[in-house]
Every structure is written in C-alpha cells, then in structure tokens.
C-alpha cells in the first residue's frame, strides 16, 4: 500500500497512527517529495490528503476514517479500530465525528486564518471557531469522564482522530486546568508509541507551524 500524506497534516497523523497500531507495511509518499504532488493529484483530483493507493486491489481510498476502516478490513493486524459490538461501534464513530468536526475543524480554521495576509483575515470566523472549540472541549470532557480511551478501555478509530485534534487544538486554545479529563487523556495519547512516533517524525517540519 502507498500512503500519500503531508508531515504536518492532522488528518494524515490520524491515518499514520492507525498504520503504526496495525503494523501493516506501507510506502510513504510525502508531498514534500519532488513529483509526488502531481502523482497524488492524478489519483485524487479533489486535492485532499491523506490518500491511500492499494495496487494489489487496484483501489484508491480517500478520507482518513475510511482509510483506517479499509486498512482493518484488508490488512488486519492486532488493531481493531471499530469494535464488534454494534453499540460500541456507534459510539466510536460518534466520537470520531466529534473530534474531526468540532475539535479539528475549528482548530484548522483558526490556523488557516493565521496564514492569511492581514487584510484577508476573518475575525468573525475565528471567533466562531473559538466558540465551537470551547463547546466541543466541554462536551467531550463530560462524555469521556471515567474512560481511559475515547470509548473505554480499547484504543480505536476515535483515538486516532483524537490524538492530532487535541494535540493541535491545545496549541491554539490550551486546555489548561479547565479540562482535566482531556488534559490527562492528551498525556496518555502522547505516551502511546504509535502517536509518539508520529510526533517524532514531524520534527523536521514543526518550525512551519504558525504558533502565533
């Protein structure tokens, strides 16, 4: 399998975590490499990453959550991103959506605004993103009370989504002491070998992240 990704992309981190949990081999094609971008765009003209190409099955798969489920279906290792229990599976998929749509999305909106020229910045949009992020913190803090991982004792798809979302969001709107459940959860995520590896691999590009 071939994974096209950017080293600082939160959604790419999500998929990398799943690959490292799974242990399945893959060829990494970073968009920092010469000619990779054109190859990626030919496969996926929508222009979003990560993208998985599986030559053995002549399959091209986009969208991080779908890539992770595809990996579990076709290259099953010890990692089970979706529980067998139907109710637990629904909770995993719900938490996956909460982290992607209400933590990662507003965080990305704030970061994207920082990268714009001053005259093109959107103060209203940024304020709305901050408000949504604060609501998401509170909702997830309450929902995760008493849980080790996003949906209990097993590491799942939801945790793959949570790790980059909370890590990046904490850089933008720090958890501080207001959200102790989330802060402790982030510490566990950072200590998890799969995510620790992703964080180590990002270092050559980390200086490009707009902290302020």
N, C-alpha and C. Protein backbone atom coordinates (compact mmCIF):
# COMPACT_ATOMS: atom_id res chain seq x y z
N UNK A 1 0.83 -1.19 0.00
CA UNK A 1 0.00 0.00 0.00
C UNK A 1 0.88 1.25 0.00
N UNK A 2 0.37 2.29 -0.62
CA UNK A 2 1.10 3.56 -0.72
C UNK A 2 0.27 4.64 -0.04
N UNK A 3 0.87 5.36 0.88
CA UNK A 3 0.17 6.43 1.59
C UNK A 3 0.76 7.77 1.18
N UNK A 4 -0.09 8.61 0.62
CA UNK A 4 0.29 9.97 0.26
C UNK A 4 -0.14 10.88 1.42
N UNK A 5 0.81 11.66 1.93
CA UNK A 5 0.47 12.47 3.10
C UNK A 5 1.41 13.66 3.24
N UNK A 6 0.98 14.60 4.08
CA UNK A 6 1.83 15.73 4.44
C UNK A 6 2.26 15.56 5.89
N UNK A 7 3.52 15.80 6.21
CA UNK A 7 4.04 15.53 7.56
C UNK A 7 3.39 16.32 8.69
N UNK A 8 2.73 17.45 8.39
CA UNK A 8 2.10 18.25 9.44
C UNK A 8 0.58 18.15 9.43
N UNK A 9 0.01 17.41 8.51
CA UNK A 9 -1.44 17.32 8.41
C UNK A 9 -2.04 16.48 9.54
N UNK A 10 -3.00 17.06 10.24
CA UNK A 10 -3.63 16.34 11.35
C UNK A 10 -4.37 15.09 10.86
N UNK A 11 -5.03 15.18 9.71
CA UNK A 11 -5.74 14.00 9.19
C UNK A 11 -4.76 12.92 8.74
N UNK A 12 -3.59 13.34 8.27
CA UNK A 12 -2.57 12.35 7.93
C UNK A 12 -2.03 11.67 9.18
N UNK A 13 -1.85 12.45 10.24
CA UNK A 13 -1.43 11.85 11.51
C UNK A 13 -2.42 10.77 11.94
N UNK A 14 -3.70 11.07 11.77
CA UNK A 14 -4.75 10.13 12.16
C UNK A 14 -4.54 8.78 11.50
N UNK A 15 -4.24 8.79 10.21
CA UNK A 15 -4.03 7.54 9.47
C UNK A 15 -2.70 6.90 9.84
N UNK A 16 -1.66 7.70 10.02
CA UNK A 16 -0.37 7.15 10.41
C UNK A 16 -0.47 6.42 11.74
N UNK A 17 -1.20 6.98 12.69
CA UNK A 17 -1.38 6.31 13.98
C UNK A 17 -1.99 4.92 13.77
N UNK A 18 -3.01 4.84 12.92
CA UNK A 18 -3.66 3.55 12.65
C UNK A 18 -2.68 2.56 12.01
N UNK A 19 -1.88 3.03 11.07
CA UNK A 19 -0.89 2.14 10.44
C UNK A 19 0.12 1.64 11.47
N UNK A 20 0.58 2.52 12.36
CA UNK A 20 1.56 2.11 13.35
C UNK A 20 0.94 1.18 14.40
N UNK A 21 -0.33 1.38 14.71
CA UNK A 21 -1.02 0.46 15.61
C UNK A 21 -1.19 -0.91 14.95
N UNK A 22 -1.51 -0.88 13.67
CA UNK A 22 -1.78 -2.10 12.91
C UNK A 22 -0.51 -2.90 12.63
N UNK A 23 0.55 -2.20 12.29
CA UNK A 23 1.81 -2.86 11.95
C UNK A 23 1.92 -3.23 10.48
N UNK A 24 0.93 -2.86 9.66
CA UNK A 24 0.97 -3.19 8.24
C UNK A 24 2.03 -2.36 7.52
N UNK A 25 2.81 -2.96 6.63
CA UNK A 25 3.81 -2.20 5.89
C UNK A 25 3.15 -1.28 4.86
N UNK A 26 3.79 -0.15 4.59
CA UNK A 26 3.30 0.75 3.56
C UNK A 26 4.45 1.60 3.04
N UNK A 27 4.28 2.09 1.83
CA UNK A 27 5.25 3.00 1.25
C UNK A 27 4.79 4.42 1.50
N UNK A 28 5.62 5.22 2.12
CA UNK A 28 5.27 6.60 2.45
C UNK A 28 5.67 7.52 1.32
N UNK A 29 4.70 8.30 0.81
CA UNK A 29 4.98 9.29 -0.22
C UNK A 29 4.57 10.64 0.32
N UNK A 30 5.52 11.39 0.83
CA UNK A 30 5.19 12.69 1.41
C UNK A 30 5.09 13.72 0.29
N UNK A 31 4.21 14.67 0.48
CA UNK A 31 4.00 15.70 -0.53
C UNK A 31 5.13 16.72 -0.56
N UNK A 32 6.15 16.49 0.26
CA UNK A 32 7.35 17.32 0.21
C UNK A 32 8.33 16.80 -0.83
N UNK A 33 8.09 15.59 -1.35
CA UNK A 33 9.00 14.99 -2.31
C UNK A 33 8.70 15.49 -3.72
N UNK A 34 9.73 15.57 -4.54
CA UNK A 34 9.58 16.02 -5.92
C UNK A 34 8.68 15.07 -6.69
N UNK A 35 7.78 15.62 -7.46
CA UNK A 35 6.88 14.88 -8.37
C UNK A 35 5.76 14.11 -7.66
N UNK A 36 5.77 14.04 -6.35
CA UNK A 36 4.73 13.29 -5.65
C UNK A 36 3.39 14.00 -5.74
N UNK A 37 3.40 15.33 -5.68
CA UNK A 37 2.14 16.08 -5.71
C UNK A 37 1.36 15.82 -6.99
N UNK A 38 2.04 15.78 -8.13
CA UNK A 38 1.36 15.53 -9.40
C UNK A 38 0.79 14.12 -9.45
N UNK A 39 1.56 13.18 -8.94
CA UNK A 39 1.11 11.79 -8.88
C UNK A 39 -0.14 11.66 -8.01
N UNK A 40 -0.11 12.34 -6.87
CA UNK A 40 -1.25 12.34 -5.94
C UNK A 40 -2.48 12.98 -6.57
N UNK A 41 -2.31 14.12 -7.22
CA UNK A 41 -3.43 14.82 -7.83
C UNK A 41 -4.03 14.04 -8.99
N UNK A 42 -3.22 13.29 -9.69
CA UNK A 42 -3.74 12.44 -10.77
C UNK A 42 -4.65 11.35 -10.20
N UNK A 43 -4.25 10.81 -9.06
CA UNK A 43 -5.06 9.78 -8.42
C UNK A 43 -6.30 10.34 -7.75
N UNK A 44 -6.20 11.57 -7.21
CA UNK A 44 -7.28 12.13 -6.38
C UNK A 44 -7.42 13.62 -6.69
N UNK A 45 -8.07 13.96 -7.80
CA UNK A 45 -8.14 15.36 -8.24
C UNK A 45 -8.81 16.30 -7.24
N UNK A 46 -9.54 15.77 -6.26
CA UNK A 46 -10.16 16.62 -5.25
C UNK A 46 -9.12 17.37 -4.45
N UNK A 47 -7.88 16.85 -4.43
CA UNK A 47 -6.78 17.57 -3.81
C UNK A 47 -6.75 17.55 -2.30
N UNK A 48 -7.24 16.48 -1.69
CA UNK A 48 -7.22 16.35 -0.23
C UNK A 48 -6.34 15.16 0.16
N UNK A 49 -5.70 15.28 1.30
CA UNK A 49 -4.90 14.18 1.81
C UNK A 49 -5.31 13.88 3.24
N UNK A 50 -5.02 12.68 3.73
CA UNK A 50 -4.22 11.61 3.14
C UNK A 50 -4.97 10.87 2.03
N UNK A 51 -4.19 10.11 1.28
CA UNK A 51 -4.75 9.26 0.22
C UNK A 51 -4.03 7.93 0.26
N UNK A 52 -4.79 6.85 0.18
CA UNK A 52 -4.20 5.52 0.18
C UNK A 52 -4.39 4.89 -1.20
N UNK A 53 -3.32 4.36 -1.74
CA UNK A 53 -3.37 3.62 -3.00
C UNK A 53 -2.97 2.18 -2.71
N UNK A 54 -3.85 1.25 -3.09
CA UNK A 54 -3.60 -0.18 -2.88
C UNK A 54 -3.49 -0.84 -4.25
N UNK A 55 -2.28 -0.94 -4.80
CA UNK A 55 -2.12 -1.51 -6.14
C UNK A 55 -2.59 -2.96 -6.25
N UNK A 56 -2.46 -3.72 -5.18
CA UNK A 56 -2.87 -5.12 -5.22
C UNK A 56 -4.35 -5.28 -5.51
N UNK A 57 -5.14 -4.33 -5.08
CA UNK A 57 -6.60 -4.39 -5.29
C UNK A 57 -7.07 -3.32 -6.26
N UNK A 58 -6.13 -2.60 -6.85
CA UNK A 58 -6.43 -1.51 -7.77
C UNK A 58 -7.45 -0.56 -7.13
N UNK A 59 -7.18 -0.19 -5.88
CA UNK A 59 -8.10 0.65 -5.12
C UNK A 59 -7.42 1.95 -4.70
N UNK A 60 -8.16 3.05 -4.79
CA UNK A 60 -7.72 4.35 -4.32
C UNK A 60 -8.72 4.83 -3.29
N UNK A 61 -8.25 5.09 -2.08
CA UNK A 61 -9.16 5.39 -0.97
C UNK A 61 -8.79 6.73 -0.36
N UNK A 62 -9.77 7.62 -0.29
CA UNK A 62 -9.60 8.90 0.37
C UNK A 62 -10.37 8.92 1.68
N UNK A 63 -10.20 10.00 2.42
CA UNK A 63 -10.86 10.25 3.70
C UNK A 63 -10.26 9.38 4.81
N UNK A 64 -9.73 10.04 5.82
CA UNK A 64 -8.96 9.37 6.86
C UNK A 64 -9.71 8.22 7.55
N UNK A 65 -10.95 8.47 7.96
CA UNK A 65 -11.69 7.42 8.67
C UNK A 65 -11.92 6.21 7.79
N UNK A 66 -12.19 6.44 6.50
CA UNK A 66 -12.43 5.34 5.57
C UNK A 66 -11.14 4.57 5.31
N UNK A 67 -10.03 5.28 5.21
CA UNK A 67 -8.74 4.61 5.03
C UNK A 67 -8.46 3.68 6.20
N UNK A 68 -8.75 4.13 7.41
CA UNK A 68 -8.50 3.31 8.60
C UNK A 68 -9.38 2.08 8.60
N UNK A 69 -10.64 2.22 8.22
CA UNK A 69 -11.51 1.05 8.16
C UNK A 69 -11.08 0.12 7.02
N UNK A 70 -10.64 0.68 5.91
CA UNK A 70 -10.14 -0.14 4.80
C UNK A 70 -8.93 -0.96 5.24
N UNK A 71 -8.03 -0.32 5.95
CA UNK A 71 -6.84 -1.00 6.46
C UNK A 71 -7.23 -2.17 7.34
N UNK A 72 -8.18 -1.96 8.23
CA UNK A 72 -8.62 -3.03 9.13
C UNK A 72 -9.28 -4.17 8.37
N UNK A 73 -9.96 -3.84 7.29
CA UNK A 73 -10.66 -4.86 6.51
C UNK A 73 -9.72 -5.71 5.67
N UNK A 74 -8.68 -5.07 5.11
CA UNK A 74 -7.84 -5.79 4.15
C UNK A 74 -6.46 -6.15 4.66
N UNK A 75 -6.00 -5.49 5.71
CA UNK A 75 -4.68 -5.79 6.28
C UNK A 75 -4.81 -5.89 7.80
N UNK A 76 -5.69 -6.72 8.23
CA UNK A 76 -6.00 -6.80 9.66
C UNK A 76 -4.78 -7.24 10.47
N UNK A 77 -4.39 -6.39 11.40
CA UNK A 77 -3.35 -6.75 12.36
C UNK A 77 -4.01 -6.94 13.71
N UNK A 78 -3.33 -6.53 14.76
CA UNK A 78 -3.93 -6.65 16.09
C UNK A 78 -4.83 -5.48 16.44
N UNK A 79 -4.75 -4.40 15.64
CA UNK A 79 -5.53 -3.21 15.91
C UNK A 79 -6.94 -3.34 15.34
N UNK A 80 -7.95 -3.11 16.18
CA UNK A 80 -9.34 -3.16 15.75
C UNK A 80 -9.94 -1.77 15.93
N UNK A 81 -9.98 -0.96 14.87
CA UNK A 81 -10.46 0.42 15.01
C UNK A 81 -11.94 0.53 15.32
N UNK A 82 -12.72 -0.46 14.88
CA UNK A 82 -14.16 -0.46 15.12
C UNK A 82 -14.51 -1.71 15.94
N UNK A 83 -15.10 -1.55 17.12
CA UNK A 83 -15.45 -2.72 17.94
C UNK A 83 -16.50 -3.59 17.27
N UNK A 84 -16.52 -4.85 17.64
CA UNK A 84 -17.52 -5.79 17.11
C UNK A 84 -18.91 -5.48 17.65
N UNK A 85 -18.98 -5.02 18.90
CA UNK A 85 -20.28 -4.71 19.50
C UNK A 85 -20.91 -3.52 18.77
N UNK A 86 -22.15 -3.66 18.29
CA UNK A 86 -22.77 -2.59 17.49
C UNK A 86 -22.91 -1.26 18.23
N UNK A 87 -23.28 -1.30 19.50
CA UNK A 87 -23.44 -0.06 20.26
C UNK A 87 -22.09 0.63 20.47
N UNK A 88 -21.07 -0.16 20.78
CA UNK A 88 -19.73 0.40 20.95
C UNK A 88 -19.22 0.96 19.63
N UNK A 89 -19.54 0.30 18.53
CA UNK A 89 -19.12 0.78 17.21
C UNK A 89 -19.74 2.13 16.91
N UNK A 90 -21.01 2.31 17.26
CA UNK A 90 -21.67 3.60 17.04
C UNK A 90 -21.01 4.70 17.88
N UNK A 91 -20.67 4.37 19.12
CA UNK A 91 -20.02 5.37 19.98
C UNK A 91 -18.66 5.75 19.42
N UNK A 92 -17.92 4.77 18.90
CA UNK A 92 -16.62 5.06 18.30
C UNK A 92 -16.79 6.00 17.11
N UNK A 93 -17.76 5.70 16.26
CA UNK A 93 -17.97 6.54 15.08
C UNK A 93 -18.46 7.94 15.47
N UNK A 94 -19.27 8.03 16.53
CA UNK A 94 -19.71 9.33 17.01
C UNK A 94 -18.52 10.14 17.53
N UNK A 95 -17.69 9.53 18.36
CA UNK A 95 -16.55 10.25 18.90
C UNK A 95 -15.58 10.66 17.79
N UNK A 96 -15.42 9.80 16.80
CA UNK A 96 -14.60 10.13 15.64
C UNK A 96 -15.11 11.41 14.97
N UNK A 97 -16.43 11.52 14.81
CA UNK A 97 -17.03 12.71 14.20
C UNK A 97 -16.87 13.93 15.11
N UNK A 98 -17.03 13.74 16.42
CA UNK A 98 -16.88 14.87 17.34
C UNK A 98 -15.47 15.45 17.26
N UNK A 99 -14.46 14.59 17.26
CA UNK A 99 -13.08 15.07 17.22
C UNK A 99 -12.77 15.72 15.87
N UNK A 100 -13.23 15.12 14.77
CA UNK A 100 -12.94 15.68 13.45
C UNK A 100 -13.68 17.00 13.21
N UNK A 101 -14.98 17.00 13.48
CA UNK A 101 -15.82 18.14 13.08
C UNK A 101 -15.81 19.30 14.07
N UNK A 102 -15.62 19.00 15.35
CA UNK A 102 -15.80 20.04 16.36
C UNK A 102 -14.53 20.38 17.14
N UNK A 103 -13.48 19.60 16.94
CA UNK A 103 -12.17 19.96 17.50
C UNK A 103 -11.20 20.28 16.37
N UNK A 104 -11.03 19.33 15.47
CA UNK A 104 -10.06 19.52 14.40
C UNK A 104 -10.48 20.64 13.44
N UNK A 105 -11.75 20.66 13.05
CA UNK A 105 -12.20 21.65 12.06
C UNK A 105 -12.06 23.09 12.56
N UNK A 106 -12.54 23.44 13.76
CA UNK A 106 -12.32 24.82 14.20
C UNK A 106 -10.86 25.15 14.45
N UNK A 107 -10.08 24.18 14.92
CA UNK A 107 -8.64 24.41 15.08
C UNK A 107 -8.02 24.77 13.73
N UNK A 108 -8.38 24.02 12.70
CA UNK A 108 -7.82 24.29 11.37
C UNK A 108 -8.26 25.67 10.85
N UNK A 109 -9.49 26.06 11.16
CA UNK A 109 -9.97 27.37 10.72
C UNK A 109 -9.15 28.49 11.35
N UNK A 110 -8.80 28.33 12.62
CA UNK A 110 -8.01 29.35 13.32
C UNK A 110 -6.60 29.41 12.74
N UNK A 111 -6.00 28.23 12.51
CA UNK A 111 -4.64 28.18 11.95
C UNK A 111 -4.63 28.76 10.54
N UNK A 112 -5.64 28.38 9.73
CA UNK A 112 -5.70 28.88 8.35
C UNK A 112 -5.78 30.40 8.33
N UNK A 113 -6.51 30.97 9.27
CA UNK A 113 -6.64 32.43 9.33
C UNK A 113 -5.30 33.08 9.65
N UNK A 114 -4.50 32.43 10.47
CA UNK A 114 -3.18 32.98 10.81
C UNK A 114 -2.26 33.02 9.60
N UNK A 115 -2.51 32.14 8.64
CA UNK A 115 -1.65 32.06 7.46
C UNK A 115 -2.06 33.05 6.37
N UNK A 116 -3.21 33.70 6.55
CA UNK A 116 -3.68 34.66 5.54
C UNK A 116 -2.98 36.00 5.73
N UNK A 117 -2.91 36.78 4.65
CA UNK A 117 -2.44 38.17 4.80
C UNK A 117 -3.37 38.92 5.75
N UNK A 118 -2.84 39.87 6.46
CA UNK A 118 -3.59 40.60 7.48
C UNK A 118 -4.92 41.14 6.95
N UNK A 119 -4.90 41.67 5.75
CA UNK A 119 -6.11 42.29 5.20
C UNK A 119 -7.21 41.29 4.87
N UNK A 120 -6.85 40.02 4.78
CA UNK A 120 -7.82 38.99 4.39
C UNK A 120 -8.28 38.14 5.58
N UNK A 121 -7.91 38.51 6.77
CA UNK A 121 -8.27 37.70 7.93
C UNK A 121 -9.75 37.88 8.30
N UNK A 122 -10.29 36.84 8.91
CA UNK A 122 -11.72 36.76 9.19
C UNK A 122 -11.93 36.71 10.71
N UNK A 123 -12.05 37.86 11.34
CA UNK A 123 -12.17 37.91 12.80
C UNK A 123 -13.46 37.24 13.28
N UNK A 124 -14.55 37.39 12.54
CA UNK A 124 -15.80 36.75 12.93
C UNK A 124 -15.69 35.25 12.84
N UNK A 125 -15.12 34.76 11.76
CA UNK A 125 -14.96 33.31 11.60
C UNK A 125 -14.08 32.72 12.68
N UNK A 126 -13.03 33.44 13.05
CA UNK A 126 -12.13 32.97 14.10
C UNK A 126 -12.86 32.94 15.44
N UNK A 127 -13.65 33.96 15.72
CA UNK A 127 -14.42 33.98 16.97
C UNK A 127 -15.40 32.82 17.03
N UNK A 128 -16.04 32.52 15.92
CA UNK A 128 -16.98 31.39 15.86
C UNK A 128 -16.24 30.08 16.06
N UNK A 129 -15.05 29.96 15.49
CA UNK A 129 -14.26 28.74 15.66
C UNK A 129 -13.85 28.55 17.12
N UNK A 130 -13.44 29.64 17.78
CA UNK A 130 -13.09 29.56 19.20
C UNK A 130 -14.30 29.13 20.03
N UNK A 131 -15.46 29.66 19.71
CA UNK A 131 -16.67 29.31 20.44
C UNK A 131 -17.00 27.83 20.26
N UNK A 132 -16.92 27.34 19.03
CA UNK A 132 -17.22 25.93 18.76
C UNK A 132 -16.21 25.03 19.47
N UNK A 133 -14.95 25.40 19.45
CA UNK A 133 -13.92 24.60 20.11
C UNK A 133 -14.16 24.53 21.61
N UNK A 134 -14.54 25.64 22.22
CA UNK A 134 -14.82 25.64 23.65
C UNK A 134 -16.01 24.73 23.98
N UNK A 135 -17.04 24.77 23.15
CA UNK A 135 -18.19 23.90 23.35
C UNK A 135 -17.79 22.43 23.20
N UNK A 136 -16.95 22.15 22.22
CA UNK A 136 -16.51 20.77 22.00
C UNK A 136 -15.69 20.26 23.18
N UNK A 137 -14.77 21.10 23.70
CA UNK A 137 -14.00 20.71 24.87
C UNK A 137 -14.94 20.29 26.01
N UNK A 138 -15.93 21.11 26.28
CA UNK A 138 -16.84 20.85 27.40
C UNK A 138 -17.65 19.58 27.17
N UNK A 139 -18.13 19.40 25.95
CA UNK A 139 -18.93 18.22 25.64
C UNK A 139 -18.12 16.94 25.79
N UNK A 140 -16.92 16.94 25.21
CA UNK A 140 -16.09 15.73 25.24
C UNK A 140 -15.55 15.49 26.64
N UNK A 141 -15.22 16.54 27.36
CA UNK A 141 -14.77 16.40 28.76
C UNK A 141 -15.80 15.62 29.57
N UNK A 142 -17.06 16.00 29.42
CA UNK A 142 -18.14 15.33 30.17
C UNK A 142 -18.35 13.90 29.67
N UNK A 143 -18.31 13.72 28.36
CA UNK A 143 -18.60 12.41 27.79
C UNK A 143 -17.51 11.39 28.11
N UNK A 144 -16.28 11.86 28.26
CA UNK A 144 -15.15 10.95 28.50
C UNK A 144 -14.86 10.69 29.97
N UNK A 145 -15.62 11.26 30.87
CA UNK A 145 -15.37 11.06 32.30
C UNK A 145 -15.37 9.58 32.63
N UNK A 146 -14.30 9.10 33.26
CA UNK A 146 -14.20 7.70 33.65
C UNK A 146 -13.65 6.78 32.58
N UNK A 147 -13.35 7.30 31.39
CA UNK A 147 -12.83 6.48 30.30
C UNK A 147 -11.31 6.63 30.19
N UNK A 148 -10.64 5.54 29.89
CA UNK A 148 -9.20 5.62 29.64
C UNK A 148 -8.94 6.13 28.22
N UNK A 149 -9.61 5.53 27.25
CA UNK A 149 -9.52 5.96 25.86
C UNK A 149 -10.86 6.57 25.46
N UNK A 150 -11.00 6.96 24.23
CA UNK A 150 -12.17 7.74 23.82
C UNK A 150 -13.48 7.02 24.08
N UNK A 151 -13.45 5.68 23.95
CA UNK A 151 -14.68 4.92 24.15
C UNK A 151 -14.43 3.75 25.09
N UNK A 152 -13.67 3.96 26.14
CA UNK A 152 -13.47 2.91 27.13
C UNK A 152 -12.05 2.43 27.23
N UNK A 153 -11.87 1.11 27.33
CA UNK A 153 -10.55 0.54 27.60
C UNK A 153 -9.76 0.21 26.34
N UNK A 154 -10.40 0.19 25.17
CA UNK A 154 -9.71 -0.17 23.93
C UNK A 154 -9.39 1.07 23.10
N UNK A 155 -8.21 1.08 22.51
CA UNK A 155 -7.78 2.13 21.60
C UNK A 155 -8.44 1.88 20.25
N UNK A 156 -9.13 2.90 19.69
CA UNK A 156 -9.94 2.70 18.49
C UNK A 156 -9.73 3.83 17.47
N UNK A 157 -10.55 3.78 16.43
CA UNK A 157 -10.59 4.85 15.44
C UNK A 157 -10.76 6.21 16.11
N UNK A 158 -11.59 6.28 17.13
CA UNK A 158 -11.85 7.56 17.80
C UNK A 158 -10.58 8.14 18.40
N UNK A 159 -9.70 7.29 18.91
CA UNK A 159 -8.44 7.77 19.49
C UNK A 159 -7.48 8.23 18.40
N UNK A 160 -7.53 7.56 17.23
CA UNK A 160 -6.72 8.02 16.09
C UNK A 160 -7.12 9.43 15.70
N UNK A 161 -8.42 9.73 15.77
CA UNK A 161 -8.91 11.07 15.47
C UNK A 161 -8.56 12.05 16.58
N UNK A 162 -8.68 11.60 17.81
CA UNK A 162 -8.49 12.49 18.96
C UNK A 162 -7.06 12.98 19.08
N UNK A 163 -6.09 12.12 18.85
CA UNK A 163 -4.69 12.47 19.11
C UNK A 163 -4.26 13.73 18.36
N UNK A 164 -4.35 13.79 17.03
CA UNK A 164 -3.94 15.03 16.36
C UNK A 164 -4.87 16.20 16.65
N UNK A 165 -6.16 15.92 16.78
CA UNK A 165 -7.12 17.01 17.01
C UNK A 165 -6.83 17.73 18.32
N UNK A 166 -6.70 16.99 19.41
CA UNK A 166 -6.48 17.60 20.71
C UNK A 166 -5.06 18.18 20.81
N UNK A 167 -4.09 17.46 20.25
CA UNK A 167 -2.71 17.95 20.29
C UNK A 167 -2.61 19.33 19.65
N UNK A 168 -3.15 19.47 18.45
CA UNK A 168 -3.08 20.75 17.76
C UNK A 168 -3.96 21.80 18.45
N UNK A 169 -5.17 21.40 18.83
CA UNK A 169 -6.09 22.36 19.45
C UNK A 169 -5.49 22.94 20.74
N UNK A 170 -4.80 22.11 21.49
CA UNK A 170 -4.19 22.56 22.74
C UNK A 170 -3.12 23.62 22.48
N UNK A 171 -2.51 23.60 21.28
CA UNK A 171 -1.53 24.63 20.93
C UNK A 171 -2.21 25.97 20.65
N UNK A 172 -3.48 25.89 20.21
CA UNK A 172 -4.21 27.09 19.82
C UNK A 172 -5.04 27.64 20.98
N UNK A 173 -5.81 26.75 21.61
CA UNK A 173 -6.63 27.10 22.78
C UNK A 173 -6.27 26.11 23.88
N UNK A 174 -5.29 26.42 24.71
CA UNK A 174 -4.79 25.48 25.71
C UNK A 174 -5.88 24.94 26.63
N UNK A 175 -5.77 23.65 26.91
CA UNK A 175 -6.73 23.00 27.82
C UNK A 175 -6.59 23.56 29.22
N UNK A 176 -5.37 23.85 29.63
CA UNK A 176 -5.12 24.40 30.96
C UNK A 176 -5.66 23.51 32.06
N UNK A 177 -6.21 24.14 33.09
CA UNK A 177 -6.78 23.38 34.21
C UNK A 177 -8.29 23.26 34.12
N UNK A 178 -8.86 23.83 33.05
CA UNK A 178 -10.32 23.82 32.92
C UNK A 178 -10.86 22.47 32.47
N UNK A 179 -10.02 21.69 31.82
CA UNK A 179 -10.48 20.42 31.26
C UNK A 179 -9.50 19.30 31.66
N UNK A 180 -9.52 18.91 32.93
CA UNK A 180 -8.56 17.93 33.42
C UNK A 180 -8.68 16.55 32.77
N UNK A 181 -9.89 16.14 32.41
CA UNK A 181 -10.07 14.84 31.76
C UNK A 181 -9.38 14.83 30.41
N UNK A 182 -9.60 15.88 29.63
CA UNK A 182 -8.97 15.97 28.32
C UNK A 182 -7.46 16.13 28.43
N UNK A 183 -7.00 16.90 29.40
CA UNK A 183 -5.55 17.09 29.58
C UNK A 183 -4.86 15.77 29.91
N UNK A 184 -5.47 14.98 30.80
CA UNK A 184 -4.89 13.69 31.16
C UNK A 184 -4.95 12.72 29.97
N UNK A 185 -6.04 12.81 29.21
CA UNK A 185 -6.18 11.97 28.02
C UNK A 185 -5.11 12.31 26.99
N UNK A 186 -4.86 13.59 26.77
CA UNK A 186 -3.82 14.00 25.83
C UNK A 186 -2.46 13.47 26.26
N UNK A 187 -2.18 13.49 27.54
CA UNK A 187 -0.90 12.95 28.03
C UNK A 187 -0.79 11.46 27.73
N UNK A 188 -1.89 10.73 27.89
CA UNK A 188 -1.86 9.29 27.57
C UNK A 188 -1.66 9.07 26.07
N UNK A 189 -2.29 9.90 25.27
CA UNK A 189 -2.14 9.79 23.81
C UNK A 189 -0.69 10.05 23.40
N UNK A 190 -0.08 11.08 23.96
CA UNK A 190 1.29 11.42 23.61
C UNK A 190 2.28 10.33 24.02
N UNK A 191 1.92 9.57 25.06
CA UNK A 191 2.78 8.48 25.53
C UNK A 191 2.57 7.19 24.74
N UNK A 192 1.49 7.11 23.99
CA UNK A 192 1.19 5.91 23.19
C UNK A 192 2.26 5.78 22.10
N UNK A 193 2.92 4.63 21.94
CA UNK A 193 4.03 4.51 20.98
C UNK A 193 3.67 4.94 19.56
N UNK A 194 2.47 4.63 19.10
CA UNK A 194 2.09 5.00 17.73
C UNK A 194 2.07 6.51 17.54
N UNK A 195 1.51 7.24 18.50
CA UNK A 195 1.44 8.68 18.38
C UNK A 195 2.79 9.32 18.69
N UNK A 196 3.51 8.75 19.64
CA UNK A 196 4.85 9.27 19.95
C UNK A 196 5.73 9.21 18.70
N UNK A 197 5.57 8.17 17.91
CA UNK A 197 6.34 8.04 16.66
C UNK A 197 5.95 9.13 15.67
N UNK A 198 4.66 9.40 15.54
CA UNK A 198 4.19 10.46 14.66
C UNK A 198 4.77 11.81 15.10
N UNK A 199 4.73 12.07 16.39
CA UNK A 199 5.25 13.34 16.90
C UNK A 199 6.75 13.48 16.66
N UNK A 200 7.47 12.39 16.77
CA UNK A 200 8.91 12.44 16.50
C UNK A 200 9.17 12.70 15.02
N UNK A 201 8.38 12.07 14.16
CA UNK A 201 8.59 12.21 12.71
C UNK A 201 8.24 13.61 12.19
N UNK A 202 7.41 14.35 12.92
CA UNK A 202 7.02 15.69 12.48
C UNK A 202 8.12 16.72 12.68
N UNK A 203 9.12 16.42 13.51
CA UNK A 203 10.07 17.43 13.97
C UNK A 203 10.75 18.23 12.85
N UNK A 204 11.18 17.61 11.75
CA UNK A 204 11.85 18.42 10.73
C UNK A 204 10.98 19.53 10.13
N UNK A 205 9.66 19.39 10.25
CA UNK A 205 8.75 20.37 9.67
C UNK A 205 8.04 21.23 10.72
N UNK A 206 8.24 20.94 11.98
CA UNK A 206 7.45 21.58 13.04
C UNK A 206 7.64 23.09 13.08
N UNK A 207 8.77 23.58 12.64
CA UNK A 207 9.03 25.02 12.67
C UNK A 207 8.07 25.78 11.75
N UNK A 208 7.40 25.07 10.83
CA UNK A 208 6.47 25.70 9.90
C UNK A 208 5.10 25.95 10.50
N UNK A 209 4.84 25.36 11.67
CA UNK A 209 3.52 25.53 12.27
C UNK A 209 3.39 26.95 12.84
N UNK A 210 2.29 27.66 12.51
CA UNK A 210 2.13 29.06 12.95
C UNK A 210 1.62 29.13 14.39
N UNK A 211 2.51 29.17 15.34
CA UNK A 211 2.11 29.19 16.75
C UNK A 211 1.41 30.48 17.13
N UNK A 212 1.77 31.58 16.54
CA UNK A 212 1.19 32.87 16.93
C UNK A 212 0.76 33.65 15.70
